[in-house]
């Protein structure tokens, strides 16, 4: 299934419930952030060993939270008429210019400080 097909299913789910009335860009962005925070919460206060065990035992729950992030991203893109695939490829091209392998391999330095 393509991203576009998944997006259509997500939009149909929303529209079947008449939830579009609640979906403005601000609230969708807020919901996206809150769902991303729920992903982060899964790892809060865990050291490396605890995280490994937690991931192994809770992978499906983590996946559900990540799926929520993805669904909100698809809805925002749909409502703002943004092609996620094209936007991602365009951004990756820009990132490749900002972060050439020769200058950035193994470094976490922001491109403005290279």
PDB file of N, CA and C in Angstrom:
ATOM      1  N   UNK A   1       0.842  -1.176   0.000  1.00  0.00           N
ATOM      2  CA  UNK A   1       0.000   0.000   0.000  1.00  0.00           C
ATOM      3  C   UNK A   1       0.891   1.245   0.000  1.00  0.00           C
ATOM      4  N   UNK A   2       0.520   2.218  -0.804  1.00  0.00           N
ATOM      5  CA  UNK A   2       1.311   3.443  -0.894  1.00  0.00           C
ATOM      6  C   UNK A   2       0.933   4.422   0.220  1.00  0.00           C
ATOM      7  N   UNK A   3       1.757   5.423   0.393  1.00  0.00           N
ATOM      8  CA  UNK A   3       1.459   6.475   1.366  1.00  0.00           C
ATOM      9  C   UNK A   3       0.139   7.148   1.009  1.00  0.00           C
ATOM     10  N   UNK A   4      -0.065   7.387  -0.278  1.00  0.00           N
ATOM     11  CA  UNK A   4      -1.306   8.033  -0.722  1.00  0.00           C
ATOM     12  C   UNK A   4      -2.534   7.184  -0.377  1.00  0.00           C
ATOM     13  N   UNK A   5      -2.437   5.888  -0.547  1.00  0.00           N
ATOM     14  CA  UNK A   5      -3.556   4.997  -0.212  1.00  0.00           C
ATOM     15  C   UNK A   5      -3.825   4.983   1.293  1.00  0.00           C
ATOM     16  N   UNK A   6      -2.760   4.980   2.082  1.00  0.00           N
ATOM     17  CA  UNK A   6      -2.926   5.045   3.538  1.00  0.00           C
ATOM     18  C   UNK A   6      -3.564   6.376   3.912  1.00  0.00           C
ATOM     19  N   UNK A   7      -3.087   7.444   3.290  1.00  0.00           N
ATOM     20  CA  UNK A   7      -3.639   8.768   3.568  1.00  0.00           C
ATOM     21  C   UNK A   7      -5.140   8.803   3.257  1.00  0.00           C
ATOM     22  N   UNK A   8      -5.538   8.214   2.154  1.00  0.00           N
ATOM     23  CA  UNK A   8      -6.961   8.173   1.794  1.00  0.00           C
ATOM     24  C   UNK A   8      -7.771   7.429   2.857  1.00  0.00           C
ATOM     25  N   UNK A   9      -7.237   6.337   3.384  1.00  0.00           N
ATOM     26  CA  UNK A   9      -7.930   5.582   4.436  1.00  0.00           C
ATOM     27  C   UNK A   9      -8.061   6.421   5.716  1.00  0.00           C
ATOM     28  N   UNK A  10      -6.998   7.126   6.079  1.00  0.00           N
ATOM     29  CA  UNK A  10      -7.019   7.971   7.272  1.00  0.00           C
ATOM     30  C   UNK A  10      -8.045   9.094   7.112  1.00  0.00           C
ATOM     31  N   UNK A  11      -8.067   9.715   5.947  1.00  0.00           N
ATOM     32  CA  UNK A  11      -9.015  10.798   5.690  1.00  0.00           C
ATOM     33  C   UNK A  11     -10.447  10.268   5.685  1.00  0.00           C
ATOM     34  N   UNK A  12     -10.660   9.107   5.100  1.00  0.00           N
ATOM     35  CA  UNK A  12     -12.003   8.508   5.104  1.00  0.00           C
ATOM     36  C   UNK A  12     -12.450   8.226   6.538  1.00  0.00           C
ATOM     37  N   UNK A  13     -11.561   7.681   7.351  1.00  0.00           N
ATOM     38  CA  UNK A  13     -11.870   7.416   8.760  1.00  0.00           C
ATOM     39  C   UNK A  13     -12.322   8.701   9.446  1.00  0.00           C
ATOM     40  N   UNK A  14     -11.552   9.769   9.231  1.00  0.00           N
ATOM     41  CA  UNK A  14     -11.881  11.063   9.831  1.00  0.00           C
ATOM     42  C   UNK A  14     -13.206  11.600   9.306  1.00  0.00           C
ATOM     43  N   UNK A  15     -13.367  11.577   8.000  1.00  0.00           N
ATOM     44  CA  UNK A  15     -14.556  12.166   7.401  1.00  0.00           C
ATOM     45  C   UNK A  15     -15.819  11.369   7.722  1.00  0.00           C
ATOM     46  N   UNK A  16     -15.702  10.056   7.821  1.00  0.00           N
ATOM     47  CA  UNK A  16     -16.857   9.234   8.203  1.00  0.00           C
ATOM     48  C   UNK A  16     -17.388   9.619   9.580  1.00  0.00           C
ATOM     49  N   UNK A  17     -16.545  10.176  10.421  1.00  0.00           N
ATOM     50  CA  UNK A  17     -16.923  10.559  11.780  1.00  0.00           C
ATOM     51  C   UNK A  17     -17.207  12.058  11.926  1.00  0.00           C
ATOM     52  N   UNK A  18     -17.110  12.767  10.798  1.00  0.00           N
ATOM     53  CA  UNK A  18     -17.345  14.214  10.790  1.00  0.00           C
ATOM     54  C   UNK A  18     -16.402  14.947  11.743  1.00  0.00           C
ATOM     55  N   UNK A  19     -15.142  14.539  11.755  1.00  0.00           N
ATOM     56  CA  UNK A  19     -14.153  15.166  12.628  1.00  0.00           C
ATOM     57  C   UNK A  19     -13.384  16.296  11.947  1.00  0.00           C
ATOM     58  N   UNK A  20     -13.554  16.469  10.644  1.00  0.00           N
ATOM     59  CA  UNK A  20     -12.826  17.538   9.948  1.00  0.00           C
ATOM     60  C   UNK A  20     -13.128  18.890  10.573  1.00  0.00           C
ATOM     61  N   UNK A  21     -14.336  19.042  11.104  1.00  0.00           N
ATOM     62  CA  UNK A  21     -14.726  20.309  11.729  1.00  0.00           C
ATOM     63  C   UNK A  21     -13.799  20.698  12.885  1.00  0.00           C
ATOM     64  N   UNK A  22     -13.101  19.731  13.452  1.00  0.00           N
ATOM     65  CA  UNK A  22     -12.193  19.994  14.568  1.00  0.00           C
ATOM     66  C   UNK A  22     -10.735  20.144  14.110  1.00  0.00           C
ATOM     67  N   UNK A  23     -10.496  19.926  12.821  1.00  0.00           N
ATOM     68  CA  UNK A  23      -9.125  19.841  12.317  1.00  0.00           C
ATOM     69  C   UNK A  23      -8.707  21.116  11.592  1.00  0.00           C
ATOM     70  N   UNK A  24      -8.188  22.045  12.332  1.00  0.00           N
ATOM     71  CA  UNK A  24      -7.560  23.222  11.735  1.00  0.00           C
ATOM     72  C   UNK A  24      -6.052  23.037  11.862  1.00  0.00           C
ATOM     73  N   UNK A  25      -5.263  23.761  11.072  1.00  0.00           N
ATOM     74  CA  UNK A  25      -3.810  23.544  11.090  1.00  0.00           C
ATOM     75  C   UNK A  25      -3.178  23.644  12.482  1.00  0.00           C
ATOM     76  N   UNK A  26      -3.615  24.611  13.283  1.00  0.00           N
ATOM     77  CA  UNK A  26      -3.035  24.765  14.624  1.00  0.00           C
ATOM     78  C   UNK A  26      -3.293  23.536  15.490  1.00  0.00           C
ATOM     79  N   UNK A  27      -4.536  23.095  15.532  1.00  0.00           N
ATOM     80  CA  UNK A  27      -4.865  21.958  16.388  1.00  0.00           C
ATOM     81  C   UNK A  27      -4.273  20.653  15.871  1.00  0.00           C
ATOM     82  N   UNK A  28      -4.163  20.527  14.555  1.00  0.00           N
ATOM     83  CA  UNK A  28      -3.503  19.334  14.005  1.00  0.00           C
ATOM     84  C   UNK A  28      -2.020  19.328  14.361  1.00  0.00           C
ATOM     85  N   UNK A  29      -1.379  20.488  14.258  1.00  0.00           N
ATOM     86  CA  UNK A  29       0.042  20.575  14.627  1.00  0.00           C
ATOM     87  C   UNK A  29       0.224  20.292  16.116  1.00  0.00           C
ATOM     88  N   UNK A  30      -0.666  20.795  16.920  1.00  0.00           N
ATOM     89  CA  UNK A  30      -0.618  20.537  18.354  1.00  0.00           C
ATOM     90  C   UNK A  30      -0.795  19.043  18.629  1.00  0.00           C
ATOM     91  N   UNK A  31      -1.754  18.427  17.973  1.00  0.00           N
ATOM     92  CA  UNK A  31      -1.991  16.990  18.159  1.00  0.00           C
ATOM     93  C   UNK A  31      -0.788  16.168  17.702  1.00  0.00           C
ATOM     94  N   UNK A  32      -0.179  16.580  16.604  1.00  0.00           N
ATOM     95  CA  UNK A  32       1.025  15.897  16.128  1.00  0.00           C
ATOM     96  C   UNK A  32       2.120  15.959  17.180  1.00  0.00           C
ATOM     97  N   UNK A  33       2.303  17.116  17.767  1.00  0.00           N
ATOM     98  CA  UNK A  33       3.320  17.297  18.807  1.00  0.00           C
ATOM     99  C   UNK A  33       3.008  16.465  20.044  1.00  0.00           C
ATOM    100  N   UNK A  34       1.749  16.456  20.438  1.00  0.00           N
ATOM    101  CA  UNK A  34       1.354  15.665  21.609  1.00  0.00           C
ATOM    102  C   UNK A  34       1.567  14.168  21.373  1.00  0.00           C
ATOM    103  N   UNK A  35       1.243  13.700  20.190  1.00  0.00           N
ATOM    104  CA  UNK A  35       1.460  12.279  19.875  1.00  0.00           C
ATOM    105  C   UNK A  35       2.957  11.957  19.842  1.00  0.00           C
ATOM    106  N   UNK A  36       3.762  12.882  19.311  1.00  0.00           N
ATOM    107  CA  UNK A  36       5.215  12.670  19.311  1.00  0.00           C
ATOM    108  C   UNK A  36       5.740  12.624  20.740  1.00  0.00           C
ATOM    109  N   UNK A  37       5.165  13.446  21.612  1.00  0.00           N
ATOM    110  CA  UNK A  37       5.558  13.426  23.024  1.00  0.00           C
ATOM    111  C   UNK A  37       5.204  12.088  23.671  1.00  0.00           C
ATOM    112  N   UNK A  38       4.112  11.472  23.232  1.00  0.00           N
ATOM    113  CA  UNK A  38       3.755  10.160  23.763  1.00  0.00           C
ATOM    114  C   UNK A  38       4.780   9.103  23.350  1.00  0.00           C
ATOM    115  N   UNK A  39       5.353   9.252  22.165  1.00  0.00           N
ATOM    116  CA  UNK A  39       6.442   8.357  21.756  1.00  0.00           C
ATOM    117  C   UNK A  39       7.641   8.586  22.677  1.00  0.00           C
ATOM    118  N   UNK A  40       7.973   9.837  22.911  1.00  0.00           N
ATOM    119  CA  UNK A  40       9.109  10.166  23.775  1.00  0.00           C
ATOM    120  C   UNK A  40       8.901   9.637  25.192  1.00  0.00           C
ATOM    121  N   UNK A  41       7.677   9.706  25.670  1.00  0.00           N
ATOM    122  CA  UNK A  41       7.370   9.272  27.032  1.00  0.00           C
ATOM    123  C   UNK A  41       7.707   7.796  27.241  1.00  0.00           C
ATOM    124  N   UNK A  42       7.597   7.006  26.192  1.00  0.00           N
ATOM    125  CA  UNK A  42       7.891   5.571  26.304  1.00  0.00           C
ATOM    126  C   UNK A  42       9.342   5.327  26.739  1.00  0.00           C
ATOM    127  N   UNK A  43      10.216   6.270  26.439  1.00  0.00           N
ATOM    128  CA  UNK A  43      11.642   6.088  26.713  1.00  0.00           C
ATOM    129  C   UNK A  43      12.143   6.932  27.887  1.00  0.00           C
ATOM    130  N   UNK A  44      11.267   7.750  28.417  1.00  0.00           N
ATOM    131  CA  UNK A  44      11.657   8.641  29.512  1.00  0.00           C
ATOM    132  C   UNK A  44      12.122   7.841  30.726  1.00  0.00           C
ATOM    133  N   UNK A  45      13.214   8.276  31.316  1.00  0.00           N
ATOM    134  CA  UNK A  45      13.784   7.745  32.551  1.00  0.00           C
ATOM    135  C   UNK A  45      14.357   6.337  32.413  1.00  0.00           C
ATOM    136  N   UNK A  46      14.586   5.892  31.213  1.00  0.00           N
ATOM    137  CA  UNK A  46      15.151   4.554  31.025  1.00  0.00           C
ATOM    138  C   UNK A  46      16.596   4.674  30.553  1.00  0.00           C
ATOM    139  N   UNK A  47      17.471   3.884  31.172  1.00  0.00           N
ATOM    140  CA  UNK A  47      18.844   3.858  30.700  1.00  0.00           C
ATOM    141  C   UNK A  47      18.924   2.926  29.481  1.00  0.00           C
ATOM    142  N   UNK A  48      20.090   2.779  28.903  1.00  0.00           N
ATOM    143  CA  UNK A  48      20.245   1.989  27.680  1.00  0.00           C
ATOM    144  C   UNK A  48      19.750   0.554  27.843  1.00  0.00           C
ATOM    145  N   UNK A  49      20.094  -0.086  28.937  1.00  0.00           N
ATOM    146  CA  UNK A  49      19.664  -1.470  29.150  1.00  0.00           C
ATOM    147  C   UNK A  49      18.150  -1.548  29.308  1.00  0.00           C
ATOM    148  N   UNK A  50      17.591  -0.641  30.096  1.00  0.00           N
ATOM    149  CA  UNK A  50      16.141  -0.634  30.306  1.00  0.00           C
ATOM    150  C   UNK A  50      15.397  -0.371  28.997  1.00  0.00           C
ATOM    151  N   UNK A  51      15.941   0.522  28.161  1.00  0.00           N
ATOM    152  CA  UNK A  51      15.299   0.811  26.882  1.00  0.00           C
ATOM    153  C   UNK A  51      15.265  -0.418  25.992  1.00  0.00           C
ATOM    154  N   UNK A  52      16.374  -1.133  25.940  1.00  0.00           N
ATOM    155  CA  UNK A  52      16.420  -2.341  25.115  1.00  0.00           C
ATOM    156  C   UNK A  52      15.370  -3.344  25.538  1.00  0.00           C
ATOM    157  N   UNK A  53      15.260  -3.574  26.836  1.00  0.00           N
ATOM    158  CA  UNK A  53      14.252  -4.501  27.359  1.00  0.00           C
ATOM    159  C   UNK A  53      12.849  -3.971  27.103  1.00  0.00           C
ATOM    160  N   UNK A  54      12.645  -2.683  27.314  1.00  0.00           N
ATOM    161  CA  UNK A  54      11.332  -2.080  27.130  1.00  0.00           C
ATOM    162  C   UNK A  54      10.884  -2.212  25.670  1.00  0.00           C
ATOM    163  N   UNK A  55      11.784  -1.899  24.759  1.00  0.00           N
ATOM    164  CA  UNK A  55      11.457  -1.990  23.330  1.00  0.00           C
ATOM    165  C   UNK A  55      11.076  -3.425  22.974  1.00  0.00           C
ATOM    166  N   UNK A  56      11.850  -4.363  23.448  1.00  0.00           N
ATOM    167  CA  UNK A  56      11.586  -5.769  23.149  1.00  0.00           C
ATOM    168  C   UNK A  56      10.209  -6.199  23.659  1.00  0.00           C
ATOM    169  N   UNK A  57       9.819  -5.725  24.826  1.00  0.00           N
ATOM    170  CA  UNK A  57       8.559  -6.141  25.444  1.00  0.00           C
ATOM    171  C   UNK A  57       7.357  -5.279  25.081  1.00  0.00           C
ATOM    172  N   UNK A  58       7.598  -4.112  24.475  1.00  0.00           N
ATOM    173  CA  UNK A  58       6.504  -3.167  24.209  1.00  0.00           C
ATOM    174  C   UNK A  58       6.491  -2.638  22.784  1.00  0.00           C
ATOM    175  N   UNK A  59       7.069  -3.368  21.872  1.00  0.00           N
ATOM    176  CA  UNK A  59       7.192  -2.911  20.488  1.00  0.00           C
ATOM    177  C   UNK A  59       5.836  -2.533  19.875  1.00  0.00           C
ATOM    178  N   UNK A  60       4.790  -3.315  20.111  1.00  0.00           N
ATOM    179  CA  UNK A  60       3.494  -3.024  19.483  1.00  0.00           C
ATOM    180  C   UNK A  60       2.891  -1.742  20.043  1.00  0.00           C
ATOM    181  N   UNK A  61       3.067  -1.479  21.331  1.00  0.00           N
ATOM    182  CA  UNK A  61       2.559  -0.249  21.922  1.00  0.00           C
ATOM    183  C   UNK A  61       3.310   0.965  21.383  1.00  0.00           C
ATOM    184  N   UNK A  62       4.613   0.833  21.234  1.00  0.00           N
ATOM    185  CA  UNK A  62       5.432   1.909  20.655  1.00  0.00           C
ATOM    186  C   UNK A  62       4.996   2.150  19.215  1.00  0.00           C
ATOM    187  N   UNK A  63       4.768   1.075  18.484  1.00  0.00           N
ATOM    188  CA  UNK A  63       4.338   1.185  17.082  1.00  0.00           C
ATOM    189  C   UNK A  63       3.011   1.928  16.972  1.00  0.00           C
ATOM    190  N   UNK A  64       2.097   1.677  17.898  1.00  0.00           N
ATOM    191  CA  UNK A  64       0.805   2.377  17.877  1.00  0.00           C
ATOM    192  C   UNK A  64       0.989   3.875  18.062  1.00  0.00           C
ATOM    193  N   UNK A  65       1.875   4.261  18.955  1.00  0.00           N
ATOM    194  CA  UNK A  65       2.123   5.691  19.174  1.00  0.00           C
ATOM    195  C   UNK A  65       2.763   6.327  17.941  1.00  0.00           C
ATOM    196  N   UNK A  66       3.688   5.618  17.324  1.00  0.00           N
ATOM    197  CA  UNK A  66       4.325   6.118  16.099  1.00  0.00           C
ATOM    198  C   UNK A  66       3.289   6.229  14.986  1.00  0.00           C
ATOM    199  N   UNK A  67       2.376   5.266  14.910  1.00  0.00           N
ATOM    200  CA  UNK A  67       1.312   5.312  13.906  1.00  0.00           C
ATOM    201  C   UNK A  67       0.417   6.533  14.109  1.00  0.00           C
ATOM    202  N   UNK A  68       0.143   6.897  15.368  1.00  0.00           N
ATOM    203  CA  UNK A  68      -0.646   8.094  15.636  1.00  0.00           C
ATOM    204  C   UNK A  68       0.044   9.344  15.096  1.00  0.00           C
ATOM    205  N   UNK A  69       1.354   9.426  15.269  1.00  0.00           N
ATOM    206  CA  UNK A  69       2.125  10.551  14.734  1.00  0.00           C
ATOM    207  C   UNK A  69       1.983  10.589  13.212  1.00  0.00           C
ATOM    208  N   UNK A  70       2.138   9.435  12.589  1.00  0.00           N
ATOM    209  CA  UNK A  70       2.064   9.340  11.133  1.00  0.00           C
ATOM    210  C   UNK A  70       0.677   9.736  10.630  1.00  0.00           C
ATOM    211  N   UNK A  71      -0.369   9.299  11.326  1.00  0.00           N
ATOM    212  CA  UNK A  71      -1.732   9.639  10.903  1.00  0.00           C
ATOM    213  C   UNK A  71      -1.956  11.146  10.932  1.00  0.00           C
ATOM    214  N   UNK A  72      -1.524  11.802  11.998  1.00  0.00           N
ATOM    215  CA  UNK A  72      -1.692  13.256  12.054  1.00  0.00           C
ATOM    216  C   UNK A  72      -0.873  13.947  10.969  1.00  0.00           C
ATOM    217  N   UNK A  73       0.292  13.443  10.684  1.00  0.00           N
ATOM    218  CA  UNK A  73       1.113  14.000   9.618  1.00  0.00           C
ATOM    219  C   UNK A  73       0.402  13.867   8.268  1.00  0.00           C
ATOM    220  N   UNK A  74      -0.196  12.714   8.027  1.00  0.00           N
ATOM    221  CA  UNK A  74      -0.934  12.512   6.779  1.00  0.00           C
ATOM    222  C   UNK A  74      -2.134  13.451   6.687  1.00  0.00           C
ATOM    223  N   UNK A  75      -2.829  13.653   7.791  1.00  0.00           N
ATOM    224  CA  UNK A  75      -3.996  14.548   7.785  1.00  0.00           C
ATOM    225  C   UNK A  75      -3.565  15.986   7.507  1.00  0.00           C
ATOM    226  N   UNK A  76      -2.509  16.437   8.175  1.00  0.00           N
ATOM    227  CA  UNK A  76      -2.015  17.801   7.947  1.00  0.00           C
ATOM    228  C   UNK A  76      -1.620  17.983   6.487  1.00  0.00           C
ATOM    229  N   UNK A  77      -0.896  17.024   5.953  1.00  0.00           N
ATOM    230  CA  UNK A  77      -0.472  17.119   4.554  1.00  0.00           C
ATOM    231  C   UNK A  77      -1.681  17.159   3.623  1.00  0.00           C
ATOM    232  N   UNK A  78      -2.666  16.336   3.892  1.00  0.00           N
ATOM    233  CA  UNK A  78      -3.882  16.332   3.071  1.00  0.00           C
ATOM    234  C   UNK A  78      -4.572  17.687   3.124  1.00  0.00           C
ATOM    235  N   UNK A  79      -4.792  18.185   4.326  1.00  0.00           N
ATOM    236  CA  UNK A  79      -5.548  19.423   4.484  1.00  0.00           C
ATOM    237  C   UNK A  79      -4.810  20.645   3.951  1.00  0.00           C
ATOM    238  N   UNK A  80      -3.497  20.618   3.978  1.00  0.00           N
ATOM    239  CA  UNK A  80      -2.696  21.742   3.462  1.00  0.00           C
ATOM    240  C   UNK A  80      -2.242  21.521   2.024  1.00  0.00           C
ATOM    241  N   UNK A  81      -2.714  20.424   1.430  1.00  0.00           N
ATOM    242  CA  UNK A  81      -2.366  20.079   0.045  1.00  0.00           C
ATOM    243  C   UNK A  81      -0.847  20.006  -0.156  1.00  0.00           C
ATOM    244  N   UNK A  82      -0.210  19.259   0.735  1.00  0.00           N
ATOM    245  CA  UNK A  82       1.238  19.031   0.655  1.00  0.00           C
ATOM    246  C   UNK A  82       1.460  17.565   0.319  1.00  0.00           C
ATOM    247  N   UNK A  83       2.210  17.323  -0.728  1.00  0.00           N
ATOM    248  CA  UNK A  83       2.566  15.960  -1.100  1.00  0.00           C
ATOM    249  C   UNK A  83       3.748  15.553  -0.227  1.00  0.00           C
ATOM    250  N   UNK A  84       3.508  14.635   0.697  1.00  0.00           N
ATOM    251  CA  UNK A  84       4.528  14.247   1.664  1.00  0.00           C
ATOM    252  C   UNK A  84       5.758  13.649   0.996  1.00  0.00           C
ATOM    253  N   UNK A  85       5.553  12.814  -0.001  1.00  0.00           N
ATOM    254  CA  UNK A  85       6.689  12.198  -0.684  1.00  0.00           C
ATOM    255  C   UNK A  85       7.546  13.255  -1.377  1.00  0.00           C
ATOM    256  N   UNK A  86       6.906  14.162  -2.123  1.00  0.00           N
ATOM    257  CA  UNK A  86       7.655  15.212  -2.822  1.00  0.00           C
ATOM    258  C   UNK A  86       8.343  16.144  -1.832  1.00  0.00           C
ATOM    259  N   UNK A  87       7.637  16.509  -0.772  1.00  0.00           N
ATOM    260  CA  UNK A  87       8.223  17.412   0.226  1.00  0.00           C
ATOM    261  C   UNK A  87       9.439  16.771   0.888  1.00  0.00           C
ATOM    262  N   UNK A  88       9.348  15.468   1.169  1.00  0.00           N
ATOM    263  CA  UNK A  88      10.461  14.758   1.806  1.00  0.00           C
ATOM    264  C   UNK A  88      11.663  14.680   0.875  1.00  0.00           C
ATOM    265  N   UNK A  89      11.421  14.348  -0.384  1.00  0.00           N
ATOM    266  CA  UNK A  89      12.527  14.272  -1.351  1.00  0.00           C
ATOM    267  C   UNK A  89      13.179  15.633  -1.553  1.00  0.00           C
ATOM    268  N   UNK A  90      12.369  16.684  -1.624  1.00  0.00           N
ATOM    269  CA  UNK A  90      12.899  18.040  -1.781  1.00  0.00           C
ATOM    270  C   UNK A  90      13.745  18.426  -0.568  1.00  0.00           C
ATOM    271  N   UNK A  91      13.258  18.093   0.629  1.00  0.00           N
ATOM    272  CA  UNK A  91      14.003  18.409   1.855  1.00  0.00           C
ATOM    273  C   UNK A  91      15.289  17.601   1.943  1.00  0.00           C
ATOM    274  N   UNK A  92      15.253  16.349   1.508  1.00  0.00           N
ATOM    275  CA  UNK A  92      16.469  15.532   1.525  1.00  0.00           C
ATOM    276  C   UNK A  92      17.524  16.094   0.574  1.00  0.00           C
ATOM    277  N   UNK A  93      17.088  16.615  -0.553  1.00  0.00           N
ATOM    278  CA  UNK A  93      18.024  17.246  -1.492  1.00  0.00           C
ATOM    279  C   UNK A  93      18.703  18.445  -0.832  1.00  0.00           C
ATOM    280  N   UNK A  94      17.899  19.243  -0.135  1.00  0.00           N
ATOM    281  CA  UNK A  94      18.436  20.408   0.588  1.00  0.00           C
ATOM    282  C   UNK A  94      19.381  19.959   1.700  1.00  0.00           C
ATOM    283  N   UNK A  95      18.993  18.913   2.441  1.00  0.00           N
ATOM    284  CA  UNK A  95      19.842  18.384   3.508  1.00  0.00           C
ATOM    285  C   UNK A  95      21.166  17.867   2.965  1.00  0.00           C
ATOM    286  N   UNK A  96      21.137  17.234   1.806  1.00  0.00           N
ATOM    287  CA  UNK A  96      22.375  16.743   1.183  1.00  0.00           C
ATOM    288  C   UNK A  96      23.323  17.898   0.866  1.00  0.00           C
ATOM    289  N   UNK A  97      22.770  19.055   0.499  1.00  0.00           N
ATOM    290  CA  UNK A  97      23.601  20.226   0.239  1.00  0.00           C
ATOM    291  C   UNK A  97      24.156  20.799   1.540  1.00  0.00           C
ATOM    292  N   UNK A  98      23.329  20.821   2.567  1.00  0.00           N
ATOM    293  CA  UNK A  98      23.767  21.364   3.865  1.00  0.00           C
ATOM    294  C   UNK A  98      24.731  20.435   4.593  1.00  0.00           C
ATOM    295  N   UNK A  99      24.568  19.151   4.377  1.00  0.00           N
ATOM    296  CA  UNK A  99      25.352  18.167   5.116  1.00  0.00           C
ATOM    297  C   UNK A  99      26.092  17.206   4.170  1.00  0.00           C
ATOM    298  N   UNK A 100      27.086  17.713   3.430  1.00  0.00           N
ATOM    299  CA  UNK A 100      27.842  16.814   2.558  1.00  0.00           C
ATOM    300  C   UNK A 100      28.586  15.772   3.391  1.00  0.00           C
ATOM    301  N   UNK A 101      28.646  14.566   2.884  1.00  0.00           N
ATOM    302  CA  UNK A 101      29.246  13.450   3.616  1.00  0.00           C
ATOM    303  C   UNK A 101      30.664  13.778   4.069  1.00  0.00           C
ATOM    304  N   UNK A 102      31.466  14.361   3.190  1.00  0.00           N
ATOM    305  CA  UNK A 102      32.869  14.637   3.525  1.00  0.00           C
ATOM    306  C   UNK A 102      33.012  15.561   4.741  1.00  0.00           C
ATOM    307  N   UNK A 103      32.082  16.482   4.922  1.00  0.00           N
ATOM    308  CA  UNK A 103      32.169  17.430   6.028  1.00  0.00           C
ATOM    309  C   UNK A 103      31.451  16.945   7.289  1.00  0.00           C
ATOM    310  N   UNK A 104      30.494  16.049   7.135  1.00  0.00           N
ATOM    311  CA  UNK A 104      29.617  15.755   8.265  1.00  0.00           C
ATOM    312  C   UNK A 104      29.636  14.317   8.764  1.00  0.00           C
ATOM    313  N   UNK A 105      30.301  13.441   8.073  1.00  0.00           N
ATOM    314  CA  UNK A 105      30.271  12.028   8.468  1.00  0.00           C
ATOM    315  C   UNK A 105      30.781  11.865   9.903  1.00  0.00           C
ATOM    316  N   UNK A 106      29.947  11.272  10.733  1.00  0.00           N
ATOM    317  CA  UNK A 106      30.317  11.020  12.129  1.00  0.00           C
ATOM    318  C   UNK A 106      30.212  12.227  13.038  1.00  0.00           C
ATOM    319  N   UNK A 107      29.674  13.333  12.535  1.00  0.00           N
ATOM    320  CA  UNK A 107      29.548  14.558  13.334  1.00  0.00           C
ATOM    321  C   UNK A 107      28.075  14.897  13.523  1.00  0.00           C
ATOM    322  N   UNK A 108      27.768  15.595  14.600  1.00  0.00           N
ATOM    323  CA  UNK A 108      26.405  16.048  14.834  1.00  0.00           C
ATOM    324  C   UNK A 108      26.294  17.572  14.749  1.00  0.00           C
ATOM    325  N   UNK A 109      27.286  18.196  14.150  1.00  0.00           N
ATOM    326  CA  UNK A 109      27.346  19.655  14.044  1.00  0.00           C
ATOM    327  C   UNK A 109      26.295  20.166  13.078  1.00  0.00           C
ATOM    328  N   UNK A 110      25.619  21.240  13.454  1.00  0.00           N
ATOM    329  CA  UNK A 110      24.641  21.855  12.560  1.00  0.00           C
ATOM    330  C   UNK A 110      25.374  22.465  11.362  1.00  0.00           C
ATOM    331  N   UNK A 111      24.711  22.428  10.210  1.00  0.00           N
ATOM    332  CA  UNK A 111      25.363  22.871   8.968  1.00  0.00           C
ATOM    333  C   UNK A 111      25.846  24.321   9.027  1.00  0.00           C
ATOM    334  N   UNK A 112      25.196  25.151   9.821  1.00  0.00           N
ATOM    335  CA  UNK A 112      25.621  26.560   9.923  1.00  0.00           C
ATOM    336  C   UNK A 112      26.934  26.715  10.684  1.00  0.00           C
ATOM    337  N   UNK A 113      27.363  25.643  11.346  1.00  0.00           N
ATOM    338  CA  UNK A 113      28.607  25.717  12.121  1.00  0.00           C
ATOM    339  C   UNK A 113      29.715  24.843  11.554  1.00  0.00           C
ATOM    340  N   UNK A 114      29.527  24.324  10.363  1.00  0.00           N
ATOM    341  CA  UNK A 114      30.573  23.475   9.751  1.00  0.00           C
ATOM    342  C   UNK A 114      31.720  24.309   9.224  1.00  0.00           C
TER     343      UNK A 114
END
